[in-house]
């Protein structure tokens, strides 16, 4: 087999086997200690696959998908019709150089009122696993966590001052492969219309008398 091979792809195995009384079977199974990801350090033995004879090539072959990174030891055993067996091994390095992938990027609603809460959510997939996902909003980095529907999410409050603010989402997997979205804008408007309070002094006057009218204006934050 070709080595190294990318995690998440198909591994093709070919073996040339001959016997004077005839080959009865050729089988292969893999054993591996996981190199990276949430299960790093764990060892396992995979299922047994039959290698099928191809008359056009004269080879025994099969393929299966590989997911975990690390050295994958392939154990191949051939048996003849008399029950004699011979085994050999071959090692394939499984690596991960592929960045995490974003699902359809769904931007948040573009216009909010100042001071409101805002939620960011993004679907992210990776063969080995997502190590960390962040959203950067208004220069502050917030860690995203996996929610019940399988997306990464974070919540925060909007600034109290109106304006245009920007956010982007970044992610890194367990092998250090990174990816990031473009930058998107969020328009923050005044929370409420200004409050104008008029005061007239004195309250009771005779026609023709002078009065004093004063105005007090407050925004939604008491300024």
N, C-alpha and C. Protein backbone atom coordinates (compact mmCIF):
# COMPACT_ATOMS: atom_id res chain seq x y z
N UNK A 1 0.83 -1.22 0.00
CA UNK A 1 0.00 0.00 0.00
C UNK A 1 0.86 1.26 0.00
N UNK A 2 0.26 2.36 -0.44
CA UNK A 2 0.96 3.64 -0.48
C UNK A 2 1.07 4.20 0.94
N UNK A 3 2.23 4.76 1.28
CA UNK A 3 2.44 5.37 2.59
C UNK A 3 3.28 6.64 2.42
N UNK A 4 2.95 7.77 3.08
CA UNK A 4 1.81 7.91 3.99
C UNK A 4 0.50 8.05 3.22
N UNK A 5 -0.60 7.89 3.98
CA UNK A 5 -1.93 8.02 3.41
C UNK A 5 -2.72 8.98 4.28
N UNK A 6 -3.61 9.73 3.65
CA UNK A 6 -4.37 10.74 4.38
C UNK A 6 -5.53 10.11 5.15
N UNK A 7 -5.68 10.53 6.39
CA UNK A 7 -6.80 10.07 7.20
C UNK A 7 -8.12 10.42 6.52
N UNK A 8 -9.06 9.47 6.55
CA UNK A 8 -10.37 9.69 5.93
C UNK A 8 -10.45 9.25 4.49
N UNK A 9 -9.38 8.67 3.96
CA UNK A 9 -9.40 8.20 2.57
C UNK A 9 -9.39 6.67 2.53
N UNK A 10 -9.44 6.13 1.31
CA UNK A 10 -9.45 4.68 1.13
C UNK A 10 -8.03 4.14 1.01
N UNK A 11 -7.77 3.07 1.74
CA UNK A 11 -6.49 2.37 1.65
C UNK A 11 -6.66 1.15 0.76
N UNK A 12 -5.87 1.08 -0.31
CA UNK A 12 -5.92 -0.04 -1.25
C UNK A 12 -4.76 -1.00 -0.96
N UNK A 13 -5.10 -2.28 -0.80
CA UNK A 13 -4.11 -3.30 -0.48
C UNK A 13 -4.04 -4.31 -1.62
N UNK A 14 -2.81 -4.59 -2.07
CA UNK A 14 -2.60 -5.58 -3.13
C UNK A 14 -1.55 -6.58 -2.64
N UNK A 15 -1.78 -7.85 -2.91
CA UNK A 15 -0.83 -8.89 -2.52
C UNK A 15 -0.68 -9.91 -3.63
N UNK A 16 0.55 -10.29 -3.86
CA UNK A 16 0.83 -11.34 -4.84
C UNK A 16 1.10 -12.63 -4.07
N UNK A 17 0.23 -13.63 -4.29
CA UNK A 17 0.32 -14.89 -3.54
C UNK A 17 0.22 -16.05 -4.52
N UNK A 18 1.10 -17.05 -4.34
CA UNK A 18 1.03 -18.26 -5.17
C UNK A 18 1.26 -19.49 -4.30
N UNK A 19 0.75 -20.63 -4.76
CA UNK A 19 0.90 -21.87 -4.00
C UNK A 19 0.78 -23.05 -4.96
N UNK A 20 1.56 -24.13 -4.69
CA UNK A 20 1.57 -25.25 -5.62
C UNK A 20 0.27 -26.05 -5.61
N UNK A 21 -0.50 -26.00 -4.50
CA UNK A 21 -1.78 -26.72 -4.46
C UNK A 21 -2.97 -25.78 -4.54
N UNK A 22 -2.71 -24.48 -4.58
CA UNK A 22 -3.79 -23.51 -4.72
C UNK A 22 -4.00 -22.68 -3.47
N UNK A 23 -4.23 -21.41 -3.66
CA UNK A 23 -4.48 -20.47 -2.54
C UNK A 23 -5.94 -20.57 -2.13
N UNK A 24 -6.17 -20.82 -0.84
CA UNK A 24 -7.54 -20.92 -0.35
C UNK A 24 -8.09 -19.57 0.10
N UNK A 25 -7.25 -18.77 0.76
CA UNK A 25 -7.73 -17.47 1.25
C UNK A 25 -6.55 -16.56 1.53
N UNK A 26 -6.83 -15.27 1.42
CA UNK A 26 -5.86 -14.24 1.82
C UNK A 26 -6.64 -13.23 2.65
N UNK A 27 -6.19 -13.00 3.88
CA UNK A 27 -6.90 -12.11 4.79
C UNK A 27 -5.95 -11.05 5.34
N UNK A 28 -6.53 -9.93 5.76
CA UNK A 28 -5.74 -8.84 6.33
C UNK A 28 -6.54 -8.20 7.47
N UNK A 29 -5.83 -7.82 8.51
CA UNK A 29 -6.42 -6.99 9.55
C UNK A 29 -5.37 -5.97 10.00
N UNK A 30 -5.83 -4.87 10.54
CA UNK A 30 -4.92 -3.81 10.97
C UNK A 30 -4.90 -3.66 12.47
N UNK A 31 -3.74 -3.26 12.99
CA UNK A 31 -3.60 -2.92 14.41
C UNK A 31 -2.90 -1.57 14.49
N UNK A 32 -3.30 -0.76 15.47
CA UNK A 32 -2.81 0.61 15.48
C UNK A 32 -2.92 1.21 16.87
N UNK A 33 -1.96 2.07 17.20
CA UNK A 33 -2.06 2.94 18.38
C UNK A 33 -2.35 4.34 17.86
N UNK A 34 -3.47 4.92 18.28
CA UNK A 34 -3.93 6.20 17.75
C UNK A 34 -2.96 7.31 18.15
N UNK A 35 -2.53 8.10 17.17
CA UNK A 35 -1.51 9.13 17.42
C UNK A 35 -2.09 10.47 17.83
N UNK A 36 -3.28 10.81 17.37
CA UNK A 36 -3.83 12.13 17.68
C UNK A 36 -5.34 12.06 17.77
N UNK A 37 -5.92 13.11 18.30
CA UNK A 37 -7.37 13.15 18.46
C UNK A 37 -7.79 12.86 19.88
N UNK A 38 -9.08 12.87 20.14
CA UNK A 38 -9.58 12.66 21.51
C UNK A 38 -9.25 11.28 22.06
N UNK A 39 -8.95 10.30 21.18
CA UNK A 39 -8.63 8.94 21.63
C UNK A 39 -7.14 8.62 21.50
N UNK A 40 -6.29 9.64 21.46
CA UNK A 40 -4.86 9.44 21.29
C UNK A 40 -4.30 8.54 22.39
N UNK A 41 -3.43 7.62 21.97
CA UNK A 41 -2.81 6.71 22.93
C UNK A 41 -3.51 5.37 23.05
N UNK A 42 -4.75 5.29 22.59
CA UNK A 42 -5.48 4.03 22.66
C UNK A 42 -5.06 3.11 21.50
N UNK A 43 -5.01 1.80 21.79
CA UNK A 43 -4.66 0.81 20.77
C UNK A 43 -5.86 -0.04 20.43
N UNK A 44 -5.92 -0.50 19.21
CA UNK A 44 -7.04 -1.34 18.79
C UNK A 44 -6.60 -2.28 17.67
N UNK A 45 -7.38 -3.34 17.50
CA UNK A 45 -7.20 -4.28 16.39
C UNK A 45 -8.47 -4.24 15.56
N UNK A 46 -8.32 -4.00 14.27
CA UNK A 46 -9.47 -3.85 13.39
C UNK A 46 -10.04 -5.19 12.94
N UNK A 47 -11.12 -5.15 12.20
CA UNK A 47 -11.76 -6.37 11.68
C UNK A 47 -10.92 -7.02 10.59
N UNK A 48 -11.23 -8.27 10.29
CA UNK A 48 -10.54 -9.02 9.26
C UNK A 48 -11.24 -8.82 7.92
N UNK A 49 -10.44 -8.52 6.89
CA UNK A 49 -10.97 -8.36 5.53
C UNK A 49 -10.37 -9.44 4.64
N UNK A 50 -11.18 -9.93 3.72
CA UNK A 50 -10.69 -10.85 2.71
C UNK A 50 -10.09 -10.08 1.55
N UNK A 51 -8.95 -10.55 1.05
CA UNK A 51 -8.40 -10.01 -0.19
C UNK A 51 -8.89 -10.90 -1.33
N UNK A 52 -9.53 -10.28 -2.28
CA UNK A 52 -10.17 -11.03 -3.37
C UNK A 52 -9.24 -11.13 -4.59
N UNK A 53 -9.27 -12.29 -5.22
CA UNK A 53 -8.39 -12.51 -6.37
C UNK A 53 -8.94 -11.83 -7.61
N UNK A 54 -8.05 -11.13 -8.32
CA UNK A 54 -8.40 -10.46 -9.56
C UNK A 54 -7.64 -11.15 -10.70
N UNK A 55 -8.39 -11.85 -11.52
CA UNK A 55 -7.76 -12.63 -12.59
C UNK A 55 -7.01 -11.76 -13.58
N UNK A 56 -7.46 -10.55 -13.82
CA UNK A 56 -6.82 -9.69 -14.81
C UNK A 56 -5.46 -9.18 -14.35
N UNK A 57 -5.28 -9.05 -13.05
CA UNK A 57 -4.00 -8.57 -12.51
C UNK A 57 -3.19 -9.67 -11.87
N UNK A 58 -3.86 -10.77 -11.49
CA UNK A 58 -3.18 -11.85 -10.80
C UNK A 58 -2.88 -11.52 -9.35
N UNK A 59 -3.54 -10.50 -8.81
CA UNK A 59 -3.29 -10.05 -7.44
C UNK A 59 -4.53 -10.25 -6.58
N UNK A 60 -4.28 -10.34 -5.28
CA UNK A 60 -5.36 -10.33 -4.29
C UNK A 60 -5.46 -8.91 -3.73
N UNK A 61 -6.67 -8.38 -3.66
CA UNK A 61 -6.79 -6.97 -3.29
C UNK A 61 -8.10 -6.69 -2.57
N UNK A 62 -8.11 -5.56 -1.88
CA UNK A 62 -9.31 -5.01 -1.26
C UNK A 62 -9.00 -3.59 -0.82
N UNK A 63 -9.99 -2.88 -0.37
CA UNK A 63 -9.76 -1.53 0.14
C UNK A 63 -10.71 -1.25 1.29
N UNK A 64 -10.29 -0.38 2.19
CA UNK A 64 -11.14 0.04 3.30
C UNK A 64 -10.69 1.43 3.74
N UNK A 65 -11.57 2.12 4.43
CA UNK A 65 -11.28 3.49 4.84
C UNK A 65 -10.44 3.50 6.11
N UNK A 66 -9.58 4.50 6.23
CA UNK A 66 -8.76 4.69 7.42
C UNK A 66 -9.13 6.03 8.04
N UNK A 67 -9.24 6.03 9.37
CA UNK A 67 -9.64 7.27 10.04
C UNK A 67 -8.64 7.77 11.05
N UNK A 68 -8.12 6.89 11.89
CA UNK A 68 -7.21 7.32 12.95
C UNK A 68 -5.81 7.54 12.40
N UNK A 69 -5.10 8.49 12.99
CA UNK A 69 -3.73 8.77 12.59
C UNK A 69 -2.75 7.87 13.35
N UNK A 70 -1.55 7.72 12.78
CA UNK A 70 -0.53 6.90 13.41
C UNK A 70 -0.10 5.77 12.49
N UNK A 71 0.82 4.95 12.96
CA UNK A 71 1.33 3.82 12.18
C UNK A 71 0.33 2.67 12.22
N UNK A 72 -0.19 2.31 11.08
CA UNK A 72 -1.14 1.21 10.95
C UNK A 72 -0.39 -0.02 10.46
N UNK A 73 -0.36 -1.06 11.29
CA UNK A 73 0.33 -2.30 10.92
C UNK A 73 -0.68 -3.25 10.29
N UNK A 74 -0.44 -3.62 9.04
CA UNK A 74 -1.31 -4.53 8.31
C UNK A 74 -0.75 -5.95 8.44
N UNK A 75 -1.57 -6.83 8.94
CA UNK A 75 -1.18 -8.23 9.11
C UNK A 75 -1.90 -9.05 8.04
N UNK A 76 -1.13 -9.61 7.10
CA UNK A 76 -1.68 -10.36 5.96
C UNK A 76 -1.35 -11.84 6.13
N UNK A 77 -2.37 -12.68 6.02
CA UNK A 77 -2.19 -14.12 6.15
C UNK A 77 -2.79 -14.83 4.94
N UNK A 78 -2.01 -15.70 4.33
CA UNK A 78 -2.48 -16.50 3.19
C UNK A 78 -2.49 -17.98 3.60
N UNK A 79 -3.53 -18.68 3.19
CA UNK A 79 -3.65 -20.12 3.47
C UNK A 79 -3.88 -20.86 2.16
N UNK A 80 -3.32 -22.08 2.10
CA UNK A 80 -3.55 -22.88 0.90
C UNK A 80 -4.61 -23.93 1.17
N UNK A 81 -4.90 -24.73 0.18
CA UNK A 81 -5.98 -25.72 0.30
C UNK A 81 -5.65 -26.80 1.32
N UNK A 82 -4.36 -26.98 1.65
CA UNK A 82 -3.96 -28.00 2.63
C UNK A 82 -3.91 -27.46 4.05
N UNK A 83 -4.26 -26.19 4.21
CA UNK A 83 -4.26 -25.59 5.54
C UNK A 83 -2.96 -24.96 5.95
N UNK A 84 -1.97 -24.97 5.09
CA UNK A 84 -0.70 -24.29 5.40
C UNK A 84 -0.91 -22.78 5.34
N UNK A 85 -0.27 -22.08 6.24
CA UNK A 85 -0.46 -20.62 6.32
C UNK A 85 0.88 -19.91 6.36
N UNK A 86 0.92 -18.70 5.84
CA UNK A 86 2.09 -17.84 5.92
C UNK A 86 1.59 -16.41 6.15
N UNK A 87 2.33 -15.67 6.95
CA UNK A 87 1.90 -14.31 7.29
C UNK A 87 3.03 -13.33 7.05
N UNK A 88 2.66 -12.10 6.82
CA UNK A 88 3.61 -11.02 6.66
C UNK A 88 2.95 -9.74 7.16
N UNK A 89 3.74 -8.72 7.40
CA UNK A 89 3.21 -7.44 7.86
C UNK A 89 3.71 -6.31 6.98
N UNK A 90 2.95 -5.25 6.94
CA UNK A 90 3.33 -4.03 6.22
C UNK A 90 2.80 -2.85 7.03
N UNK A 91 3.60 -1.81 7.16
CA UNK A 91 3.21 -0.65 7.97
C UNK A 91 2.90 0.55 7.09
N UNK A 92 1.79 1.18 7.37
CA UNK A 92 1.36 2.37 6.64
C UNK A 92 1.21 3.52 7.63
N UNK A 93 1.77 4.66 7.30
CA UNK A 93 1.60 5.85 8.14
C UNK A 93 0.34 6.59 7.72
N UNK A 94 -0.58 6.73 8.66
CA UNK A 94 -1.81 7.49 8.40
C UNK A 94 -1.62 8.88 8.99
N UNK A 95 -1.75 9.90 8.17
CA UNK A 95 -1.52 11.27 8.61
C UNK A 95 -2.76 12.13 8.35
N UNK A 96 -2.78 13.29 9.01
CA UNK A 96 -3.88 14.24 8.83
C UNK A 96 -3.30 15.60 8.50
N UNK A 97 -3.44 16.01 7.26
CA UNK A 97 -2.98 17.34 6.84
C UNK A 97 -4.14 18.17 6.30
N UNK A 98 -5.36 17.72 6.56
CA UNK A 98 -6.55 18.38 6.01
C UNK A 98 -7.18 19.28 7.07
N UNK A 99 -7.45 20.50 6.71
CA UNK A 99 -8.05 21.45 7.64
C UNK A 99 -9.51 21.10 7.91
N UNK A 100 -10.02 21.47 9.08
CA UNK A 100 -11.45 21.28 9.35
C UNK A 100 -12.30 22.00 8.30
N UNK A 101 -13.50 21.48 8.09
CA UNK A 101 -14.38 22.05 7.06
C UNK A 101 -15.60 22.69 7.72
N UNK A 102 -15.98 23.85 7.22
CA UNK A 102 -17.19 24.52 7.68
C UNK A 102 -18.38 24.03 6.85
N UNK A 103 -19.51 23.85 7.53
CA UNK A 103 -20.75 23.63 6.81
C UNK A 103 -21.18 24.94 6.17
N UNK A 104 -22.39 25.01 5.74
CA UNK A 104 -22.90 26.26 5.16
C UNK A 104 -22.80 27.35 6.22
N UNK A 105 -22.09 28.42 5.89
CA UNK A 105 -21.90 29.51 6.84
C UNK A 105 -23.18 30.33 6.91
N UNK A 106 -23.84 30.26 8.06
CA UNK A 106 -25.08 31.00 8.27
C UNK A 106 -24.75 32.22 9.12
N UNK A 107 -24.78 33.39 8.50
CA UNK A 107 -24.44 34.60 9.25
C UNK A 107 -25.59 34.98 10.16
N UNK A 108 -25.24 35.66 11.24
CA UNK A 108 -26.28 36.12 12.16
C UNK A 108 -27.05 37.26 11.51
N UNK A 109 -28.21 37.59 12.09
CA UNK A 109 -28.99 38.72 11.60
C UNK A 109 -28.12 39.96 11.63
N UNK A 110 -28.16 40.75 10.58
CA UNK A 110 -27.19 41.84 10.44
C UNK A 110 -27.46 43.03 11.35
N UNK A 111 -28.68 43.21 11.83
CA UNK A 111 -29.01 44.39 12.61
C UNK A 111 -29.55 44.00 13.97
N UNK A 112 -28.97 44.59 15.02
CA UNK A 112 -29.39 44.35 16.40
C UNK A 112 -29.50 45.68 17.12
N UNK A 113 -30.22 45.63 18.24
CA UNK A 113 -30.26 46.79 19.12
C UNK A 113 -29.12 46.70 20.11
N UNK A 114 -28.56 47.83 20.45
CA UNK A 114 -27.44 47.88 21.37
C UNK A 114 -27.79 47.21 22.69
N UNK A 115 -26.84 46.45 23.22
CA UNK A 115 -27.04 45.81 24.51
C UNK A 115 -27.73 44.46 24.45
N UNK A 116 -28.30 44.08 23.30
CA UNK A 116 -28.96 42.78 23.18
C UNK A 116 -27.93 41.65 23.22
N UNK A 117 -28.40 40.45 23.49
CA UNK A 117 -27.52 39.28 23.41
C UNK A 117 -27.48 38.80 21.96
N UNK A 118 -26.37 38.16 21.60
CA UNK A 118 -26.20 37.66 20.25
C UNK A 118 -25.64 36.25 20.33
N UNK A 119 -26.09 35.38 19.43
CA UNK A 119 -25.63 33.99 19.41
C UNK A 119 -24.95 33.70 18.09
N UNK A 120 -23.83 33.01 18.17
CA UNK A 120 -23.10 32.57 16.98
C UNK A 120 -23.14 31.05 16.93
N UNK A 121 -23.38 30.48 15.76
CA UNK A 121 -23.44 29.02 15.63
C UNK A 121 -22.88 28.62 14.27
N UNK A 122 -22.10 27.54 14.26
CA UNK A 122 -21.49 27.09 13.02
C UNK A 122 -21.25 25.59 13.06
N UNK A 123 -21.63 24.89 11.99
CA UNK A 123 -21.32 23.47 11.89
C UNK A 123 -19.90 23.30 11.35
N UNK A 124 -19.13 22.43 12.00
CA UNK A 124 -17.72 22.19 11.65
C UNK A 124 -17.46 20.70 11.70
N UNK A 125 -16.78 20.17 10.70
CA UNK A 125 -16.44 18.75 10.70
C UNK A 125 -14.94 18.57 10.48
N UNK A 126 -14.41 17.49 11.02
CA UNK A 126 -13.01 17.14 10.82
C UNK A 126 -12.85 15.64 11.00
N UNK A 127 -11.99 15.02 10.21
CA UNK A 127 -11.84 13.58 10.25
C UNK A 127 -11.32 13.12 11.61
N UNK A 128 -10.30 13.80 12.12
CA UNK A 128 -9.70 13.41 13.40
C UNK A 128 -10.46 14.00 14.57
N UNK A 129 -10.95 15.22 14.42
CA UNK A 129 -11.73 15.84 15.49
C UNK A 129 -11.35 17.30 15.67
N UNK A 130 -12.35 18.11 16.04
CA UNK A 130 -12.14 19.53 16.30
C UNK A 130 -11.57 19.69 17.70
N UNK A 131 -10.41 20.32 17.80
CA UNK A 131 -9.81 20.57 19.11
C UNK A 131 -10.37 21.83 19.75
N UNK A 132 -10.50 22.90 18.96
CA UNK A 132 -11.03 24.15 19.51
C UNK A 132 -11.62 25.00 18.39
N UNK A 133 -12.75 25.62 18.70
CA UNK A 133 -13.38 26.56 17.77
C UNK A 133 -13.65 27.86 18.53
N UNK A 134 -13.37 28.98 17.88
CA UNK A 134 -13.55 30.29 18.51
C UNK A 134 -14.29 31.22 17.57
N UNK A 135 -14.99 32.16 18.17
CA UNK A 135 -15.54 33.28 17.41
C UNK A 135 -14.90 34.55 17.95
N UNK A 136 -14.39 35.37 17.05
CA UNK A 136 -13.80 36.65 17.43
C UNK A 136 -14.78 37.75 17.06
N UNK A 137 -15.29 38.45 18.09
CA UNK A 137 -16.29 39.50 17.87
C UNK A 137 -15.82 40.77 18.55
N UNK A 138 -15.74 41.83 17.76
CA UNK A 138 -15.32 43.14 18.27
C UNK A 138 -13.97 43.05 18.98
N UNK A 139 -13.08 42.20 18.43
CA UNK A 139 -11.74 42.08 18.97
C UNK A 139 -11.59 41.15 20.16
N UNK A 140 -12.69 40.57 20.62
CA UNK A 140 -12.65 39.66 21.77
C UNK A 140 -12.89 38.24 21.29
N UNK A 141 -12.09 37.29 21.78
CA UNK A 141 -12.20 35.88 21.37
C UNK A 141 -13.06 35.12 22.37
N UNK A 142 -14.09 34.43 21.85
CA UNK A 142 -14.98 33.62 22.68
C UNK A 142 -14.87 32.17 22.23
N UNK A 143 -14.69 31.26 23.19
CA UNK A 143 -14.61 29.84 22.86
C UNK A 143 -16.00 29.31 22.54
N UNK A 144 -16.10 28.51 21.48
CA UNK A 144 -17.36 27.91 21.08
C UNK A 144 -17.43 26.48 21.61
N UNK A 145 -18.59 26.06 22.02
CA UNK A 145 -18.79 24.71 22.53
C UNK A 145 -19.78 23.96 21.65
N UNK A 146 -19.67 22.64 21.67
CA UNK A 146 -20.53 21.81 20.84
C UNK A 146 -21.92 21.76 21.47
N UNK A 147 -22.95 22.13 20.68
CA UNK A 147 -24.30 22.15 21.21
C UNK A 147 -25.03 20.84 20.88
N UNK A 148 -26.23 20.63 21.40
CA UNK A 148 -26.94 19.36 21.20
C UNK A 148 -27.24 19.01 19.75
N UNK A 149 -27.28 19.99 18.86
CA UNK A 149 -27.60 19.70 17.46
C UNK A 149 -26.34 19.49 16.62
N UNK A 150 -25.18 19.50 17.26
CA UNK A 150 -23.95 19.20 16.54
C UNK A 150 -23.22 20.39 15.95
N UNK A 151 -23.63 21.60 16.32
CA UNK A 151 -22.92 22.79 15.86
C UNK A 151 -22.12 23.39 17.03
N UNK A 152 -21.16 24.23 16.68
CA UNK A 152 -20.38 24.93 17.70
C UNK A 152 -20.99 26.31 17.91
N UNK A 153 -21.19 26.69 19.18
CA UNK A 153 -21.95 27.90 19.46
C UNK A 153 -21.30 28.71 20.58
N UNK A 154 -21.59 30.00 20.58
CA UNK A 154 -21.14 30.91 21.63
C UNK A 154 -22.13 32.05 21.72
N UNK A 155 -22.29 32.60 22.91
CA UNK A 155 -23.20 33.72 23.15
C UNK A 155 -22.46 34.86 23.84
N UNK A 156 -22.86 36.07 23.56
CA UNK A 156 -22.31 37.22 24.25
C UNK A 156 -23.29 38.38 24.13
N UNK A 157 -22.95 39.50 24.74
CA UNK A 157 -23.79 40.70 24.66
C UNK A 157 -23.18 41.69 23.68
N UNK A 158 -24.06 42.41 23.01
CA UNK A 158 -23.60 43.41 22.05
C UNK A 158 -23.12 44.66 22.77
N UNK A 159 -22.26 45.42 22.12
CA UNK A 159 -21.83 46.69 22.72
C UNK A 159 -23.02 47.62 22.95
N UNK A 160 -22.84 48.55 23.89
CA UNK A 160 -23.93 49.48 24.20
C UNK A 160 -23.92 50.70 23.28
N UNK A 161 -22.89 50.84 22.50
CA UNK A 161 -22.83 51.98 21.59
C UNK A 161 -23.16 51.51 20.17
N UNK A 162 -24.00 52.26 19.47
CA UNK A 162 -24.32 51.89 18.08
C UNK A 162 -23.08 51.91 17.20
N UNK A 163 -23.10 51.11 16.15
CA UNK A 163 -21.98 51.08 15.23
C UNK A 163 -21.97 49.78 14.43
N UNK A 164 -20.95 49.58 13.64
CA UNK A 164 -20.77 48.36 12.87
C UNK A 164 -19.63 47.57 13.48
N UNK A 165 -19.91 46.34 13.86
CA UNK A 165 -18.92 45.47 14.49
C UNK A 165 -18.73 44.22 13.63
N UNK A 166 -17.60 43.56 13.81
CA UNK A 166 -17.26 42.44 12.93
C UNK A 166 -16.96 41.17 13.72
N UNK A 167 -17.24 40.02 13.09
CA UNK A 167 -16.91 38.75 13.72
C UNK A 167 -16.43 37.76 12.66
N UNK A 168 -15.65 36.79 13.11
CA UNK A 168 -15.21 35.68 12.28
C UNK A 168 -15.05 34.45 13.16
N UNK A 169 -15.07 33.28 12.54
CA UNK A 169 -14.98 32.02 13.28
C UNK A 169 -13.73 31.28 12.82
N UNK A 170 -12.97 30.77 13.79
CA UNK A 170 -11.75 30.02 13.49
C UNK A 170 -11.80 28.67 14.19
N UNK A 171 -11.06 27.71 13.64
CA UNK A 171 -11.08 26.35 14.19
C UNK A 171 -9.73 25.71 13.95
N UNK A 172 -9.32 24.82 14.87
CA UNK A 172 -8.10 24.04 14.71
C UNK A 172 -8.39 22.60 15.13
N UNK A 173 -7.82 21.63 14.42
CA UNK A 173 -8.04 20.23 14.78
C UNK A 173 -6.88 19.72 15.64
N UNK A 174 -6.91 18.44 15.99
CA UNK A 174 -5.91 17.87 16.90
C UNK A 174 -4.53 17.74 16.27
N UNK A 175 -4.43 17.88 14.96
CA UNK A 175 -3.14 17.82 14.29
C UNK A 175 -2.62 19.20 13.90
N UNK A 176 -3.28 20.25 14.39
CA UNK A 176 -2.82 21.60 14.14
C UNK A 176 -3.28 22.21 12.83
N UNK A 177 -4.13 21.52 12.09
CA UNK A 177 -4.68 22.09 10.85
C UNK A 177 -5.76 23.11 11.21
N UNK A 178 -5.69 24.27 10.60
CA UNK A 178 -6.59 25.37 10.96
C UNK A 178 -7.39 25.87 9.77
N UNK A 179 -8.50 26.51 10.08
CA UNK A 179 -9.34 27.12 9.06
C UNK A 179 -10.09 28.29 9.69
N UNK A 180 -10.55 29.21 8.87
CA UNK A 180 -11.27 30.38 9.38
C UNK A 180 -12.25 30.88 8.33
N UNK A 181 -13.34 31.45 8.80
CA UNK A 181 -14.32 32.05 7.89
C UNK A 181 -13.88 33.45 7.50
N UNK A 182 -14.61 34.03 6.60
CA UNK A 182 -14.42 35.44 6.30
C UNK A 182 -14.94 36.27 7.47
N UNK A 183 -14.73 37.57 7.39
CA UNK A 183 -15.24 38.47 8.42
C UNK A 183 -16.62 38.98 8.03
N UNK A 184 -17.55 38.97 8.99
CA UNK A 184 -18.92 39.41 8.73
C UNK A 184 -19.27 40.56 9.68
N UNK A 185 -20.19 41.41 9.22
CA UNK A 185 -20.51 42.59 10.03
C UNK A 185 -21.84 42.43 10.76
N UNK A 186 -21.92 43.10 11.89
CA UNK A 186 -23.14 43.18 12.69
C UNK A 186 -23.41 44.66 12.94
N UNK A 187 -24.59 45.12 12.53
CA UNK A 187 -24.96 46.52 12.71
C UNK A 187 -25.71 46.66 14.03
N UNK A 188 -25.19 47.50 14.90
CA UNK A 188 -25.82 47.75 16.20
C UNK A 188 -26.44 49.14 16.17
N UNK A 189 -27.74 49.20 16.44
CA UNK A 189 -28.47 50.47 16.42
C UNK A 189 -28.82 50.88 17.84
N UNK A 190 -29.40 52.09 17.98
CA UNK A 190 -29.88 52.53 19.29
C UNK A 190 -30.91 51.55 19.82
N UNK A 191 -30.85 51.29 21.13
CA UNK A 191 -31.80 50.34 21.72
C UNK A 191 -33.22 50.87 21.66
N UNK A 192 -33.43 52.12 21.92
CA UNK A 192 -34.74 52.74 21.90
C UNK A 192 -34.59 54.18 21.44
N UNK A 193 -35.70 54.75 21.05
CA UNK A 193 -35.69 56.16 20.67
C UNK A 193 -35.37 57.03 21.88
N UNK A 194 -34.81 58.20 21.63
CA UNK A 194 -34.48 59.12 22.72
C UNK A 194 -35.75 59.56 23.45
N UNK A 195 -35.62 59.80 24.76
CA UNK A 195 -36.73 60.24 25.59
C UNK A 195 -36.58 61.73 25.83
N UNK A 196 -37.60 62.51 25.46
CA UNK A 196 -37.57 63.97 25.64
C UNK A 196 -38.61 64.35 26.69
N UNK A 197 -38.17 65.05 27.74
CA UNK A 197 -39.06 65.48 28.82
C UNK A 197 -39.10 67.01 28.81
N UNK A 198 -40.30 67.55 28.63
CA UNK A 198 -40.48 69.01 28.63
C UNK A 198 -41.01 69.46 29.99
N UNK A 199 -40.45 70.53 30.51
CA UNK A 199 -40.89 71.10 31.79
C UNK A 199 -41.29 72.56 31.56
N UNK A 200 -42.50 72.90 32.03
CA UNK A 200 -43.01 74.28 31.88
C UNK A 200 -43.17 74.89 33.27
N UNK A 201 -42.62 76.08 33.45
CA UNK A 201 -42.74 76.80 34.72
C UNK A 201 -43.20 78.23 34.44
N UNK A 202 -44.09 78.76 35.26
CA UNK A 202 -44.89 78.03 36.25
C UNK A 202 -45.97 77.20 35.55
N UNK A 203 -46.62 76.32 36.32
CA UNK A 203 -47.63 75.46 35.72
C UNK A 203 -48.90 76.22 35.38
N UNK A 204 -49.23 77.20 36.18
CA UNK A 204 -50.47 77.97 35.95
C UNK A 204 -50.10 79.42 35.69
N UNK A 205 -50.54 79.94 34.56
CA UNK A 205 -50.22 81.32 34.19
C UNK A 205 -51.46 82.00 33.64
N UNK A 206 -51.38 83.32 33.63
CA UNK A 206 -52.43 84.14 33.02
C UNK A 206 -51.99 84.46 31.61
N UNK A 207 -52.95 84.56 30.72
CA UNK A 207 -52.64 84.85 29.33
C UNK A 207 -51.78 86.09 29.23
N UNK A 208 -50.71 85.96 28.48
CA UNK A 208 -49.79 87.08 28.28
C UNK A 208 -48.58 87.01 29.18
N UNK A 209 -48.61 86.19 30.26
CA UNK A 209 -47.45 86.07 31.14
C UNK A 209 -46.35 85.24 30.46
N UNK A 210 -45.13 85.47 30.90
CA UNK A 210 -43.99 84.71 30.37
C UNK A 210 -43.89 83.36 31.08
N UNK A 211 -43.45 82.36 30.34
CA UNK A 211 -43.22 81.02 30.91
C UNK A 211 -41.83 80.56 30.50
N UNK A 212 -41.29 79.62 31.28
CA UNK A 212 -39.98 79.03 30.97
C UNK A 212 -40.20 77.57 30.59
N UNK A 213 -39.76 77.21 29.41
CA UNK A 213 -39.87 75.82 28.94
C UNK A 213 -38.46 75.24 28.86
N UNK A 214 -38.23 74.11 29.56
CA UNK A 214 -36.94 73.44 29.50
C UNK A 214 -37.13 72.02 28.99
N UNK A 215 -36.12 71.48 28.33
CA UNK A 215 -36.19 70.13 27.76
C UNK A 215 -35.03 69.30 28.29
N UNK A 216 -35.36 68.05 28.64
CA UNK A 216 -34.33 67.10 29.09
C UNK A 216 -34.39 65.88 28.16
N UNK A 217 -33.26 65.55 27.56
CA UNK A 217 -33.21 64.46 26.59
C UNK A 217 -32.33 63.34 27.16
N UNK A 218 -32.85 62.10 27.14
CA UNK A 218 -32.09 60.93 27.59
C UNK A 218 -32.09 59.86 26.49
N UNK A 219 -30.95 59.16 26.37
CA UNK A 219 -30.96 58.00 25.49
C UNK A 219 -31.32 56.76 26.28
N UNK A 220 -31.23 55.60 25.68
CA UNK A 220 -31.70 54.37 26.33
C UNK A 220 -30.83 53.97 27.52
N UNK A 221 -29.68 54.64 27.67
CA UNK A 221 -28.78 54.26 28.75
C UNK A 221 -28.70 55.32 29.84
N UNK A 222 -29.63 56.29 29.79
CA UNK A 222 -29.69 57.32 30.80
C UNK A 222 -28.73 58.47 30.60
N UNK A 223 -28.08 58.52 29.45
CA UNK A 223 -27.15 59.62 29.16
C UNK A 223 -27.91 60.84 28.64
